Amino acid sequence: MNQLIIVFEFKNPTLEKKNTLRNEIREYGKFAFLMDNACIIWTEETAANVRDNLKKNLISGDKIYVGTTSAPSAWLTSFSQDVTDYLKKNLK
């Protein structure tokens, strides 16, 4: 199983664009949104496959990064306790 971090940015952000992409990410089943435009997913797909799947929601000037991530990881934010617990349990 691959652990992938996804970071995205829209040239002209709208709530609809953000929600569309976030819903596409949710379809991977196992995910944790870290911030508004960043998340970690667990999938059998490669980073390139995930990028290619998600880029259909992007237009010229939008940006997306999909890369592998692993533990140990560290963060300093106001993540909810649920997200913190989920990351501690699932990051490998």
PDB file of N, CA and C in Angstrom:
ATOM      1  N   MET A   1       0.856  -1.177   0.000  1.00  0.00           N
ATOM      2  CA  MET A   1       0.000   0.000   0.000  1.00  0.00           C
ATOM      3  C   MET A   1       0.900   1.237   0.000  1.00  0.00           C
ATOM      4  N   ASN A   2       0.606   2.180  -0.876  1.00  0.00           N
ATOM      5  CA  ASN A   2       1.361   3.430  -0.955  1.00  0.00           C
ATOM      6  C   ASN A   2       0.730   4.497  -0.070  1.00  0.00           C
ATOM      7  N   GLN A   3       1.575   5.227   0.619  1.00  0.00           N
ATOM      8  CA  GLN A   3       1.166   6.407   1.391  1.00  0.00           C
ATOM      9  C   GLN A   3       1.559   7.615   0.576  1.00  0.00           C
ATOM     10  N   LEU A   4       0.582   8.388   0.142  1.00  0.00           N
ATOM     11  CA  LEU A   4       0.863   9.516  -0.736  1.00  0.00           C
ATOM     12  C   LEU A   4       0.357  10.812  -0.130  1.00  0.00           C
ATOM     13  N   ILE A   5       1.159  11.848  -0.249  1.00  0.00           N
ATOM     14  CA  ILE A   5       0.713  13.173   0.152  1.00  0.00           C
ATOM     15  C   ILE A   5       0.296  13.917  -1.108  1.00  0.00           C
ATOM     16  N   ILE A   6      -0.813  14.605  -1.023  1.00  0.00           N
ATOM     17  CA  ILE A   6      -1.336  15.393  -2.135  1.00  0.00           C
ATOM     18  C   ILE A   6      -1.457  16.833  -1.659  1.00  0.00           C
ATOM     19  N   VAL A   7      -0.878  17.740  -2.431  1.00  0.00           N
ATOM     20  CA  VAL A   7      -0.989  19.173  -2.156  1.00  0.00           C
ATOM     21  C   VAL A   7      -1.478  19.824  -3.442  1.00  0.00           C
ATOM     22  N   PHE A   8      -2.494  20.664  -3.342  1.00  0.00           N
ATOM     23  CA  PHE A   8      -3.019  21.292  -4.552  1.00  0.00           C
ATOM     24  C   PHE A   8      -3.311  22.767  -4.312  1.00  0.00           C
ATOM     25  N   GLU A   9      -3.281  23.516  -5.421  1.00  0.00           N
ATOM     26  CA  GLU A   9      -3.529  24.957  -5.370  1.00  0.00           C
ATOM     27  C   GLU A   9      -4.214  25.350  -6.672  1.00  0.00           C
ATOM     28  N   PHE A  10      -5.258  26.138  -6.564  1.00  0.00           N
ATOM     29  CA  PHE A  10      -5.981  26.588  -7.743  1.00  0.00           C
ATOM     30  C   PHE A  10      -5.578  28.015  -8.088  1.00  0.00           C
ATOM     31  N   LYS A  11      -5.393  28.272  -9.384  1.00  0.00           N
ATOM     32  CA  LYS A  11      -5.082  29.631  -9.835  1.00  0.00           C
ATOM     33  C   LYS A  11      -6.240  30.563  -9.495  1.00  0.00           C
ATOM     34  N   ASN A  12      -7.457  30.111  -9.763  1.00  0.00           N
ATOM     35  CA  ASN A  12      -8.669  30.866  -9.442  1.00  0.00           C
ATOM     36  C   ASN A  12      -9.574  29.969  -8.598  1.00  0.00           C
ATOM     37  N   PRO A  13      -9.330  29.943  -7.286  1.00  0.00           N
ATOM     38  CA  PRO A  13     -10.073  29.003  -6.441  1.00  0.00           C
ATOM     39  C   PRO A  13     -11.555  29.355  -6.312  1.00  0.00           C
ATOM     40  N   THR A  14     -12.365  28.311  -6.332  1.00  0.00           N
ATOM     41  CA  THR A  14     -13.782  28.443  -6.001  1.00  0.00           C
ATOM     42  C   THR A  14     -14.124  27.283  -5.075  1.00  0.00           C
ATOM     43  N   LEU A  15     -15.158  27.453  -4.309  1.00  0.00           N
ATOM     44  CA  LEU A  15     -15.595  26.387  -3.408  1.00  0.00           C
ATOM     45  C   LEU A  15     -15.973  25.141  -4.206  1.00  0.00           C
ATOM     46  N   GLU A  16     -16.597  25.332  -5.345  1.00  0.00           N
ATOM     47  CA  GLU A  16     -17.002  24.195  -6.174  1.00  0.00           C
ATOM     48  C   GLU A  16     -15.788  23.401  -6.665  1.00  0.00           C
ATOM     49  N   LYS A  17     -14.748  24.105  -7.144  1.00  0.00           N
ATOM     50  CA  LYS A  17     -13.540  23.414  -7.613  1.00  0.00           C
ATOM     51  C   LYS A  17     -12.880  22.646  -6.472  1.00  0.00           C
ATOM     52  N   LYS A  18     -12.772  23.301  -5.317  1.00  0.00           N
ATOM     53  CA  LYS A  18     -12.136  22.653  -4.169  1.00  0.00           C
ATOM     54  C   LYS A  18     -12.924  21.419  -3.744  1.00  0.00           C
ATOM     55  N   ASN A  19     -14.229  21.550  -3.647  1.00  0.00           N
ATOM     56  CA  ASN A  19     -15.054  20.421  -3.221  1.00  0.00           C
ATOM     57  C   ASN A  19     -15.021  19.276  -4.227  1.00  0.00           C
ATOM     58  N   THR A  20     -14.986  19.596  -5.513  1.00  0.00           N
ATOM     59  CA  THR A  20     -14.907  18.558  -6.539  1.00  0.00           C
ATOM     60  C   THR A  20     -13.630  17.748  -6.377  1.00  0.00           C
ATOM     61  N   LEU A  21     -12.495  18.432  -6.218  1.00  0.00           N
ATOM     62  CA  LEU A  21     -11.228  17.721  -6.066  1.00  0.00           C
ATOM     63  C   LEU A  21     -11.179  16.956  -4.746  1.00  0.00           C
ATOM     64  N   ARG A  22     -11.646  17.568  -3.672  1.00  0.00           N
ATOM     65  CA  ARG A  22     -11.646  16.880  -2.379  1.00  0.00           C
ATOM     66  C   ARG A  22     -12.530  15.624  -2.425  1.00  0.00           C
ATOM     67  N   ASN A  23     -13.644  15.690  -3.131  1.00  0.00           N
ATOM     68  CA  ASN A  23     -14.507  14.510  -3.266  1.00  0.00           C
ATOM     69  C   ASN A  23     -13.831  13.416  -4.088  1.00  0.00           C
ATOM     70  N   GLU A  24     -13.082  13.800  -5.117  1.00  0.00           N
ATOM     71  CA  GLU A  24     -12.308  12.816  -5.889  1.00  0.00           C
ATOM     72  C   GLU A  24     -11.286  12.128  -4.984  1.00  0.00           C
ATOM     73  N   ILE A  25     -10.645  12.895  -4.126  1.00  0.00           N
ATOM     74  CA  ILE A  25      -9.659  12.338  -3.194  1.00  0.00           C
ATOM     75  C   ILE A  25     -10.342  11.382  -2.218  1.00  0.00           C
ATOM     76  N   ARG A  26     -11.499  11.746  -1.736  1.00  0.00           N
ATOM     77  CA  ARG A  26     -12.240  10.887  -0.801  1.00  0.00           C
ATOM     78  C   ARG A  26     -12.568   9.522  -1.405  1.00  0.00           C
ATOM     79  N   GLU A  27     -12.688   9.460  -2.725  1.00  0.00           N
ATOM     80  CA  GLU A  27     -13.014   8.194  -3.385  1.00  0.00           C
ATOM     81  C   GLU A  27     -11.911   7.152  -3.225  1.00  0.00           C
ATOM     82  N   TYR A  28     -10.717   7.577  -2.813  1.00  0.00           N
ATOM     83  CA  TYR A  28      -9.652   6.606  -2.557  1.00  0.00           C
ATOM     84  C   TYR A  28      -9.929   5.808  -1.286  1.00  0.00           C
ATOM     85  N   GLY A  29     -10.869   6.263  -0.474  1.00  0.00           N
ATOM     86  CA  GLY A  29     -11.330   5.484   0.676  1.00  0.00           C
ATOM     87  C   GLY A  29     -10.597   5.748   1.971  1.00  0.00           C
ATOM     88  N   LYS A  30      -9.296   5.680   1.945  1.00  0.00           N
ATOM     89  CA  LYS A  30      -8.512   5.881   3.161  1.00  0.00           C
ATOM     90  C   LYS A  30      -7.717   7.168   2.985  1.00  0.00           C
ATOM     91  N   PHE A  31      -8.084   8.200   3.740  1.00  0.00           N
ATOM     92  CA  PHE A  31      -7.483   9.516   3.553  1.00  0.00           C
ATOM     93  C   PHE A  31      -7.535  10.306   4.844  1.00  0.00           C
ATOM     94  N   ALA A  32      -6.699  11.327   4.921  1.00  0.00           N
ATOM     95  CA  ALA A  32      -6.734  12.281   6.032  1.00  0.00           C
ATOM     96  C   ALA A  32      -6.385  13.647   5.466  1.00  0.00           C
ATOM     97  N   PHE A  33      -7.322  14.587   5.555  1.00  0.00           N
ATOM     98  CA  PHE A  33      -7.033  15.953   5.130  1.00  0.00           C
ATOM     99  C   PHE A  33      -6.239  16.637   6.228  1.00  0.00           C
ATOM    100  N   LEU A  34      -5.060  17.120   5.856  1.00  0.00           N
ATOM    101  CA  LEU A  34      -4.168  17.774   6.809  1.00  0.00           C
ATOM    102  C   LEU A  34      -4.499  19.249   6.940  1.00  0.00           C
ATOM    103  N   MET A  35      -4.744  19.867   5.817  1.00  0.00           N
ATOM    104  CA  MET A  35      -5.099  21.276   5.728  1.00  0.00           C
ATOM    105  C   MET A  35      -6.119  21.405   4.609  1.00  0.00           C
ATOM    106  N   ASP A  36      -6.514  22.615   4.334  1.00  0.00           N
ATOM    107  CA  ASP A  36      -7.537  22.843   3.325  1.00  0.00           C
ATOM    108  C   ASP A  36      -7.158  22.225   1.976  1.00  0.00           C
ATOM    109  N   ASN A  37      -5.895  22.335   1.591  1.00  0.00           N
ATOM    110  CA  ASN A  37      -5.455  21.879   0.275  1.00  0.00           C
ATOM    111  C   ASN A  37      -4.360  20.823   0.350  1.00  0.00           C
ATOM    112  N   ALA A  38      -4.350  20.027   1.397  1.00  0.00           N
ATOM    113  CA  ALA A  38      -3.330  18.986   1.540  1.00  0.00           C
ATOM    114  C   ALA A  38      -3.913  17.788   2.275  1.00  0.00           C
ATOM    115  N   CYS A  39      -3.535  16.606   1.815  1.00  0.00           N
ATOM    116  CA  CYS A  39      -4.027  15.394   2.465  1.00  0.00           C
ATOM    117  C   CYS A  39      -3.054  14.246   2.233  1.00  0.00           C
ATOM    118  N   ILE A  40      -3.263  13.187   2.964  1.00  0.00           N
ATOM    119  CA  ILE A  40      -2.549  11.934   2.769  1.00  0.00           C
ATOM    120  C   ILE A  40      -3.587  10.886   2.411  1.00  0.00           C
ATOM    121  N   ILE A  41      -3.250  10.063   1.412  1.00  0.00           N
ATOM    122  CA  ILE A  41      -4.117   8.938   1.068  1.00  0.00           C
ATOM    123  C   ILE A  41      -3.301   7.658   1.124  1.00  0.00           C
ATOM    124  N   TRP A  42      -4.002   6.545   1.301  1.00  0.00           N
ATOM    125  CA  TRP A  42      -3.402   5.220   1.267  1.00  0.00           C
ATOM    126  C   TRP A  42      -4.066   4.488   0.108  1.00  0.00           C
ATOM    127  N   THR A  43      -3.254   4.022  -0.842  1.00  0.00           N
ATOM    128  CA  THR A  43      -3.795   3.421  -2.057  1.00  0.00           C
ATOM    129  C   THR A  43      -2.784   2.462  -2.675  1.00  0.00           C
ATOM    130  N   GLU A  44      -3.270   1.575  -3.503  1.00  0.00           N
ATOM    131  CA  GLU A  44      -2.395   0.688  -4.276  1.00  0.00           C
ATOM    132  C   GLU A  44      -1.857   1.403  -5.517  1.00  0.00           C
ATOM    133  N   GLU A  45      -2.435   2.535  -5.871  1.00  0.00           N
ATOM    134  CA  GLU A  45      -2.011   3.268  -7.062  1.00  0.00           C
ATOM    135  C   GLU A  45      -0.689   3.998  -6.824  1.00  0.00           C
ATOM    136  N   THR A  46       0.008   4.291  -7.912  1.00  0.00           N
ATOM    137  CA  THR A  46       1.253   5.053  -7.825  1.00  0.00           C
ATOM    138  C   THR A  46       0.945   6.541  -7.753  1.00  0.00           C
ATOM    139  N   ALA A  47       1.944   7.315  -7.370  1.00  0.00           N
ATOM    140  CA  ALA A  47       1.788   8.771  -7.316  1.00  0.00           C
ATOM    141  C   ALA A  47       1.403   9.312  -8.693  1.00  0.00           C
ATOM    142  N   ALA A  48       2.049   8.814  -9.743  1.00  0.00           N
ATOM    143  CA  ALA A  48       1.744   9.286 -11.099  1.00  0.00           C
ATOM    144  C   ALA A  48       0.305   8.957 -11.498  1.00  0.00           C
ATOM    145  N   ASN A  49      -0.175   7.773 -11.137  1.00  0.00           N
ATOM    146  CA  ASN A  49      -1.559   7.407 -11.456  1.00  0.00           C
ATOM    147  C   ASN A  49      -2.553   8.304 -10.728  1.00  0.00           C
ATOM    148  N   VAL A  50      -2.289   8.586  -9.462  1.00  0.00           N
ATOM    149  CA  VAL A  50      -3.180   9.462  -8.693  1.00  0.00           C
ATOM    150  C   VAL A  50      -3.172  10.859  -9.301  1.00  0.00           C
ATOM    151  N   ARG A  51      -1.977  11.365  -9.614  1.00  0.00           N
ATOM    152  CA  ARG A  51      -1.883  12.687 -10.245  1.00  0.00           C
ATOM    153  C   ARG A  51      -2.696  12.726 -11.530  1.00  0.00           C
ATOM    154  N   ASP A  52      -2.519  11.707 -12.373  1.00  0.00           N
ATOM    155  CA  ASP A  52      -3.232  11.686 -13.648  1.00  0.00           C
ATOM    156  C   ASP A  52      -4.739  11.609 -13.451  1.00  0.00           C
ATOM    157  N   ASN A  53      -5.188  10.885 -12.436  1.00  0.00           N
ATOM    158  CA  ASN A  53      -6.613  10.795 -12.151  1.00  0.00           C
ATOM    159  C   ASN A  53      -7.168  12.138 -11.666  1.00  0.00           C
ATOM    160  N   LEU A  54      -6.424  12.824 -10.818  1.00  0.00           N
ATOM    161  CA  LEU A  54      -6.919  14.074 -10.242  1.00  0.00           C
ATOM    162  C   LEU A  54      -6.778  15.265 -11.182  1.00  0.00           C
ATOM    163  N   LYS A  55      -5.851  15.215 -12.123  1.00  0.00           N
ATOM    164  CA  LYS A  55      -5.605  16.388 -12.964  1.00  0.00           C
ATOM    165  C   LYS A  55      -6.768  16.706 -13.898  1.00  0.00           C
ATOM    166  N   LYS A  56      -7.692  15.773 -14.076  1.00  0.00           N
ATOM    167  CA  LYS A  56      -8.865  16.062 -14.913  1.00  0.00           C
ATOM    168  C   LYS A  56      -9.708  17.187 -14.316  1.00  0.00           C
ATOM    169  N   ASN A  57      -9.510  17.456 -13.027  1.00  0.00           N
ATOM    170  CA  ASN A  57     -10.247  18.526 -12.348  1.00  0.00           C
ATOM    171  C   ASN A  57      -9.496  19.854 -12.368  1.00  0.00           C
ATOM    172  N   LEU A  58      -8.332  19.888 -12.996  1.00  0.00           N
ATOM    173  CA  LEU A  58      -7.489  21.077 -12.975  1.00  0.00           C
ATOM    174  C   LEU A  58      -7.470  21.748 -14.337  1.00  0.00           C
ATOM    175  N   ILE A  59      -7.192  23.060 -14.318  1.00  0.00           N
ATOM    176  CA  ILE A  59      -7.039  23.818 -15.550  1.00  0.00           C
ATOM    177  C   ILE A  59      -5.662  24.466 -15.541  1.00  0.00           C
ATOM    178  N   SER A  60      -5.305  25.082 -16.648  1.00  0.00           N
ATOM    179  CA  SER A  60      -4.004  25.736 -16.768  1.00  0.00           C
ATOM    180  C   SER A  60      -3.801  26.722 -15.625  1.00  0.00           C
ATOM    181  N   GLY A  61      -2.673  26.625 -14.972  1.00  0.00           N
ATOM    182  CA  GLY A  61      -2.368  27.499 -13.843  1.00  0.00           C
ATOM    183  C   GLY A  61      -2.621  26.863 -12.493  1.00  0.00           C
ATOM    184  N   ASP A  62      -3.451  25.812 -12.448  1.00  0.00           N
ATOM    185  CA  ASP A  62      -3.646  25.065 -11.206  1.00  0.00           C
ATOM    186  C   ASP A  62      -2.409  24.204 -10.960  1.00  0.00           C
ATOM    187  N   LYS A  63      -2.184  23.831  -9.709  1.00  0.00           N
ATOM    188  CA  LYS A  63      -1.005  23.042  -9.351  1.00  0.00           C
ATOM    189  C   LYS A  63      -1.415  21.858  -8.490  1.00  0.00           C
ATOM    190  N   ILE A  64      -0.682  20.755  -8.672  1.00  0.00           N
ATOM    191  CA  ILE A  64      -0.895  19.593  -7.817  1.00  0.00           C
ATOM    192  C   ILE A  64       0.444  18.889  -7.623  1.00  0.00           C
ATOM    193  N   TYR A  65       0.663  18.403  -6.420  1.00  0.00           N
ATOM    194  CA  TYR A  65       1.842  17.600  -6.101  1.00  0.00           C
ATOM    195  C   TYR A  65       1.340  16.318  -5.461  1.00  0.00           C
ATOM    196  N   VAL A  66       1.829  15.185  -5.952  1.00  0.00           N
ATOM    197  CA  VAL A  66       1.529  13.886  -5.353  1.00  0.00           C
ATOM    198  C   VAL A  66       2.868  13.178  -5.159  1.00  0.00           C
ATOM    199  N   GLY A  67       3.183  12.833  -3.928  1.00  0.00           N
ATOM    200  CA  GLY A  67       4.446  12.168  -3.641  1.00  0.00           C
ATOM    201  C   GLY A  67       4.294  11.182  -2.504  1.00  0.00           C
ATOM    202  N   THR A  68       5.290  10.328  -2.358  1.00  0.00           N
ATOM    203  CA  THR A  68       5.248   9.357  -1.270  1.00  0.00           C
ATOM    204  C   THR A  68       5.643  10.026   0.043  1.00  0.00           C
ATOM    205  N   THR A  69       5.120   9.498   1.116  1.00  0.00           N
ATOM    206  CA  THR A  69       5.437  10.001   2.448  1.00  0.00           C
ATOM    207  C   THR A  69       5.542   8.805   3.390  1.00  0.00           C
ATOM    208  N   SER A  70       6.228   8.987   4.482  1.00  0.00           N
ATOM    209  CA  SER A  70       6.371   7.881   5.431  1.00  0.00           C
ATOM    210  C   SER A  70       6.641   8.417   6.825  1.00  0.00           C
ATOM    211  N   ALA A  71       6.563   7.533   7.779  1.00  0.00           N
ATOM    212  CA  ALA A  71       6.907   7.871   9.153  1.00  0.00           C
ATOM    213  C   ALA A  71       8.410   7.698   9.293  1.00  0.00           C
ATOM    214  N   PRO A  72       9.071   8.395  10.151  1.00  0.00           N
ATOM    215  CA  PRO A  72       8.457   9.323  11.091  1.00  0.00           C
ATOM    216  C   PRO A  72       8.058  10.622  10.410  1.00  0.00           C
ATOM    217  N   SER A  73       7.000  11.186  10.878  1.00  0.00           N
ATOM    218  CA  SER A  73       6.501  12.475  10.415  1.00  0.00           C
ATOM    219  C   SER A  73       6.267  13.349  11.634  1.00  0.00           C
ATOM    220  N   ALA A  74       6.266  14.635  11.419  1.00  0.00           N
ATOM    221  CA  ALA A  74       6.027  15.560  12.529  1.00  0.00           C
ATOM    222  C   ALA A  74       5.163  16.708  12.038  1.00  0.00           C
ATOM    223  N   TRP A  75       4.377  17.255  12.929  1.00  0.00           N
ATOM    224  CA  TRP A  75       3.542  18.392  12.575  1.00  0.00           C
ATOM    225  C   TRP A  75       3.303  19.242  13.799  1.00  0.00           C
ATOM    226  N   LEU A  76       2.995  20.480  13.539  1.00  0.00           N
ATOM    227  CA  LEU A  76       2.654  21.429  14.596  1.00  0.00           C
ATOM    228  C   LEU A  76       1.502  22.264  14.069  1.00  0.00           C
ATOM    229  N   THR A  77       0.309  21.843  14.380  1.00  0.00           N
ATOM    230  CA  THR A  77      -0.881  22.530  13.894  1.00  0.00           C
ATOM    231  C   THR A  77      -2.009  22.306  14.879  1.00  0.00           C
ATOM    232  N   SER A  78      -3.137  22.765  14.479  1.00  0.00           N
ATOM    233  CA  SER A  78      -4.322  22.522  15.297  1.00  0.00           C
ATOM    234  C   SER A  78      -5.185  21.443  14.653  1.00  0.00           C
ATOM    235  N   PHE A  79      -4.542  20.358  14.171  1.00  0.00           N
ATOM    236  CA  PHE A  79      -5.316  19.232  13.655  1.00  0.00           C
ATOM    237  C   PHE A  79      -6.266  18.766  14.747  1.00  0.00           C
ATOM    238  N   SER A  80      -7.411  18.289  14.326  1.00  0.00           N
ATOM    239  CA  SER A  80      -8.316  17.720  15.318  1.00  0.00           C
ATOM    240  C   SER A  80      -7.668  16.474  15.915  1.00  0.00           C
ATOM    241  N   GLN A  81      -8.123  16.096  17.081  1.00  0.00           N
ATOM    242  CA  GLN A  81      -7.580  14.902  17.727  1.00  0.00           C
ATOM    243  C   GLN A  81      -7.827  13.667  16.872  1.00  0.00           C
ATOM    244  N   ASP A  82      -8.972  13.627  16.179  1.00  0.00           N
ATOM    245  CA  ASP A  82      -9.275  12.494  15.296  1.00  0.00           C
ATOM    246  C   ASP A  82      -8.231  12.352  14.197  1.00  0.00           C
ATOM    247  N   VAL A  83      -7.858  13.478  13.561  1.00  0.00           N
ATOM    248  CA  VAL A  83      -6.855  13.436  12.492  1.00  0.00           C
ATOM    249  C   VAL A  83      -5.501  13.046  13.064  1.00  0.00           C
ATOM    250  N   THR A  84      -5.125  13.625  14.193  1.00  0.00           N
ATOM    251  CA  THR A  84      -3.852  13.283  14.829  1.00  0.00           C
ATOM    252  C   THR A  84      -3.793  11.793  15.152  1.00  0.00           C
ATOM    253  N   ASP A  85      -4.837  11.257  15.748  1.00  0.00           N
ATOM    254  CA  ASP A  85      -4.873   9.833  16.086  1.00  0.00           C
ATOM    255  C   ASP A  85      -4.814   8.964  14.828  1.00  0.00           C
ATOM    256  N   TYR A  86      -5.538   9.373  13.790  1.00  0.00           N
ATOM    257  CA  TYR A  86      -5.562   8.620  12.539  1.00  0.00           C
ATOM    258  C   TYR A  86      -4.171   8.570  11.917  1.00  0.00           C
ATOM    259  N   LEU A  87      -3.478   9.709  11.913  1.00  0.00           N
ATOM    260  CA  LEU A  87      -2.124   9.750  11.357  1.00  0.00           C
ATOM    261  C   LEU A  87      -1.169   8.884  12.168  1.00  0.00           C
ATOM    262  N   LYS A  88      -1.230   8.996  13.482  1.00  0.00           N
ATOM    263  CA  LYS A  88      -0.341   8.194  14.325  1.00  0.00           C
ATOM    264  C   LYS A  88      -0.572   6.702  14.110  1.00  0.00           C
ATOM    265  N   LYS A  89      -1.813   6.320  13.913  1.00  0.00           N
ATOM    266  CA  LYS A  89      -2.150   4.911  13.719  1.00  0.00           C
ATOM    267  C   LYS A  89      -1.733   4.409  12.337  1.00  0.00           C
ATOM    268  N   ASN A  90      -1.861   5.248  11.313  1.00  0.00           N
ATOM    269  CA  ASN A  90      -1.721   4.766   9.944  1.00  0.00           C
ATOM    270  C   ASN A  90      -0.420   5.106   9.239  1.00  0.00           C
ATOM    271  N   LEU A  91       0.305   6.133   9.677  1.00  0.00           N
ATOM    272  CA  LEU A  91       1.564   6.446   9.003  1.00  0.00           C
ATOM    273  C   LEU A  91       2.575   5.347   9.265  1.00  0.00           C
ATOM    274  N   LYS A  92       3.177   4.878   8.235  1.00  0.00           N
ATOM    275  CA  LYS A  92       4.148   3.786   8.342  1.00  0.00           C
ATOM    276  C   LYS A  92       5.480   4.219   7.774  1.00  0.00           C
TER     277      LYS A  92
END
